[in-house]
Amino acid sequence: MSESDAGSQVRSNGDKPWKESHTSLGKVLQSARVADEFKARDIVILNVAGLSSFADYFLICSARSSRQVQGIADNLETALRRLGIRPLGVEGRTEGHWVLMDFGDVIIHVFYDPVRHFYDLESLWSDAERIDWDSVPGGPEVIAEIDRNQDSP
């Protein structure tokens, strides 16, 4: 669901409310922040909403080892689960070369560096708008709201 469709309704995630208007953007910004905290490299967010019928955003990042790929993926899943957001599916975790995490409107790709360069998703989706996740207008506020909702009883 895109932000423009959602309005400002509040939905419950178990016992933690969050605004639906922040669903896609909030998920992808929170995911970028968590990936960065766990030393993911070259974090890229692509807005594929106008190009794809299955997702609004891709988050693509990489790591220097398969073990780090697995750690980043595990921590992303844990952080989003705390918000009541569960993946529809996770593929590739065991091998640790390319972990694909499907959160519906957000698809997260965590690559081992050489595998990322081989598949080069950024070139395949070159028509997608790149989002500078550090400087998204309202981004820090969205993440702060997510954190408040995560910490609330």
Protein backbone atom coordinates (compact mmCIF):
# COMPACT_ATOMS: atom_id res chain seq x y z
CA MET A 1 0.00 0.00 0.00
CA SER A 2 1.40 3.38 -0.89
CA GLU A 3 1.45 6.27 1.51
CA SER A 4 -1.00 8.29 -0.57
CA ASP A 5 -3.64 5.53 -0.39
CA ALA A 6 -3.42 5.03 3.34
CA GLY A 7 -4.37 8.41 4.75
CA SER A 8 -3.61 8.80 8.43
CA GLN A 9 -5.50 5.84 9.82
CA VAL A 10 -4.05 4.13 12.83
CA ARG A 11 -3.84 0.35 12.82
CA SER A 12 -2.86 -1.95 15.65
CA ASN A 13 0.17 -4.25 15.44
CA GLY A 14 -0.66 -6.52 18.32
CA ASP A 15 -0.51 -4.02 21.15
CA LYS A 16 1.59 -1.40 19.31
CA PRO A 17 -0.23 1.09 17.07
CA TRP A 18 1.44 2.61 14.04
CA LYS A 19 0.26 4.88 11.28
CA GLU A 20 -0.59 3.16 8.00
CA SER A 21 0.58 6.28 6.20
CA HIS A 22 4.11 5.26 7.20
CA THR A 23 3.86 1.62 6.22
CA SER A 24 6.05 1.44 3.12
CA LEU A 25 8.26 4.43 3.81
CA GLY A 26 8.59 3.62 7.49
CA LYS A 27 9.52 0.01 6.83
CA VAL A 28 12.16 0.84 4.27
CA LEU A 29 13.68 3.70 6.31
CA GLN A 30 13.75 1.60 9.48
CA SER A 31 15.29 -1.27 7.51
CA ALA A 32 17.99 1.01 6.08
CA ARG A 33 18.82 2.26 9.56
CA VAL A 34 19.05 -1.26 11.00
CA ALA A 35 21.17 -2.44 8.06
CA ASP A 36 23.49 0.52 8.60
CA GLU A 37 23.78 -0.24 12.32
CA PHE A 38 24.93 -3.75 11.45
CA LYS A 39 27.56 -2.48 9.00
CA ALA A 40 25.76 -3.20 5.74
CA ARG A 41 27.58 -1.63 2.79
CA ASP A 42 26.27 0.47 -0.08
CA ILE A 43 22.67 0.76 1.14
CA VAL A 44 20.38 1.72 -1.73
CA ILE A 45 16.63 2.31 -1.66
CA LEU A 46 14.79 2.14 -4.97
CA ASN A 47 11.25 3.44 -5.37
CA VAL A 48 9.73 0.83 -7.69
CA ALA A 49 6.08 1.73 -7.05
CA GLY A 50 5.51 3.02 -10.58
CA LEU A 51 7.47 0.18 -12.17
CA SER A 52 6.30 -2.84 -10.22
CA SER A 53 2.96 -4.35 -9.30
CA PHE A 54 4.41 -6.32 -6.38
CA ALA A 55 6.32 -3.77 -4.26
CA ASP A 56 6.74 -0.06 -3.54
CA TYR A 57 10.41 -0.13 -2.46
CA PHE A 58 13.51 -2.28 -2.77
CA LEU A 59 16.24 -2.01 -0.20
CA ILE A 60 19.53 -3.35 -1.52
CA CYS A 61 22.63 -3.70 0.62
CA SER A 62 25.67 -5.90 0.86
CA ALA A 63 28.16 -7.40 3.27
CA ARG A 64 31.74 -8.63 3.20
CA SER A 65 30.96 -12.21 4.23
CA SER A 66 28.11 -14.70 4.12
CA ARG A 67 28.06 -14.69 7.92
CA GLN A 68 27.53 -10.91 7.93
CA VAL A 69 24.77 -11.27 5.30
CA GLN A 70 22.98 -13.68 7.63
CA GLY A 71 23.49 -11.37 10.64
CA ILE A 72 22.11 -8.34 8.82
CA ALA A 73 19.09 -10.33 7.63
CA ASP A 74 18.44 -11.74 11.12
CA ASN A 75 18.63 -8.29 12.71
CA LEU A 76 16.37 -6.75 10.06
CA GLU A 77 13.76 -9.42 10.68
CA THR A 78 14.01 -9.01 14.46
CA ALA A 79 13.71 -5.20 14.31
CA LEU A 80 10.66 -5.31 12.05
CA ARG A 81 9.03 -8.08 14.09
CA ARG A 82 9.26 -5.80 17.14
CA LEU A 83 7.05 -3.43 15.17
CA GLY A 84 4.60 -6.23 14.40
CA ILE A 85 5.80 -6.48 10.79
CA ARG A 86 6.44 -10.03 9.70
CA PRO A 87 7.94 -11.16 6.41
CA LEU A 88 5.76 -12.96 3.91
CA GLY A 89 8.83 -14.99 3.02
CA VAL A 90 12.60 -15.17 3.45
CA GLU A 91 14.84 -16.97 0.96
CA GLY A 92 18.58 -17.66 0.92
CA ARG A 93 19.35 -17.27 4.61
CA THR A 94 21.15 -20.61 4.90
CA GLU A 95 23.63 -19.94 2.09
CA GLY A 96 24.15 -16.29 3.00
CA HIS A 97 24.97 -15.15 -0.53
CA TRP A 98 21.68 -13.39 -1.32
CA VAL A 99 18.94 -13.14 1.28
CA LEU A 100 15.63 -11.92 -0.10
CA MET A 101 13.10 -10.76 2.47
CA ASP A 102 9.57 -10.10 1.23
CA PHE A 103 7.58 -7.70 3.39
CA GLY A 104 4.90 -7.17 0.76
CA ASP A 105 5.34 -3.52 -0.15
CA VAL A 106 9.06 -3.61 0.71
CA ILE A 107 11.49 -6.19 -0.67
CA ILE A 108 14.89 -6.35 1.03
CA HIS A 109 17.92 -7.82 -0.74
CA VAL A 110 21.00 -8.49 1.40
CA PHE A 111 23.91 -9.60 -0.78
CA TYR A 112 27.40 -10.95 -0.31
CA ASP A 113 29.48 -8.31 -2.18
CA PRO A 114 30.56 -10.40 -5.21
CA VAL A 115 27.04 -11.76 -5.69
CA ARG A 116 25.60 -8.25 -5.66
CA HIS A 117 27.96 -7.15 -8.41
CA PHE A 118 27.14 -10.25 -10.46
CA TYR A 119 23.34 -9.75 -10.38
CA ASP A 120 23.52 -5.93 -10.45
CA LEU A 121 19.89 -5.26 -9.49
CA GLU A 122 20.50 -1.52 -9.53
CA SER A 123 21.11 -1.69 -13.29
CA LEU A 124 18.12 -3.97 -13.87
CA TRP A 125 15.94 -1.41 -12.05
CA SER A 126 17.76 1.65 -13.40
CA ASP A 127 14.47 3.43 -14.15
CA ALA A 128 13.57 3.38 -10.45
CA GLU A 129 14.09 6.53 -8.41
CA ARG A 130 16.94 6.21 -5.91
CA ILE A 131 16.06 7.45 -2.44
CA ASP A 132 18.77 9.00 -0.30
CA TRP A 133 17.59 7.38 2.91
CA ASP A 134 19.70 9.66 5.11
CA SER A 135 17.97 12.78 3.87
CA VAL A 136 14.36 11.80 3.13
CA PRO A 137 12.15 14.75 4.10
CA GLY A 138 10.44 13.63 7.27
CA GLY A 139 12.58 10.49 7.42
CA PRO A 140 14.00 11.12 10.89
CA GLU A 141 10.50 11.88 12.16
CA VAL A 142 9.13 8.67 10.65
CA ILE A 143 11.90 6.64 12.27
CA ALA A 144 11.44 8.45 15.60
CA GLU A 145 7.71 7.65 15.51
CA ILE A 146 8.47 4.02 14.74
CA ASP A 147 10.90 3.92 17.65
CA ARG A 148 8.32 5.49 20.00
CA ASN A 149 5.71 2.93 18.96
CA GLN A 150 8.24 0.14 19.32
CA ASP A 151 9.13 1.21 22.87
CA SER A 152 5.57 1.86 24.04
CA PRO A 153 3.84 -0.79 26.18
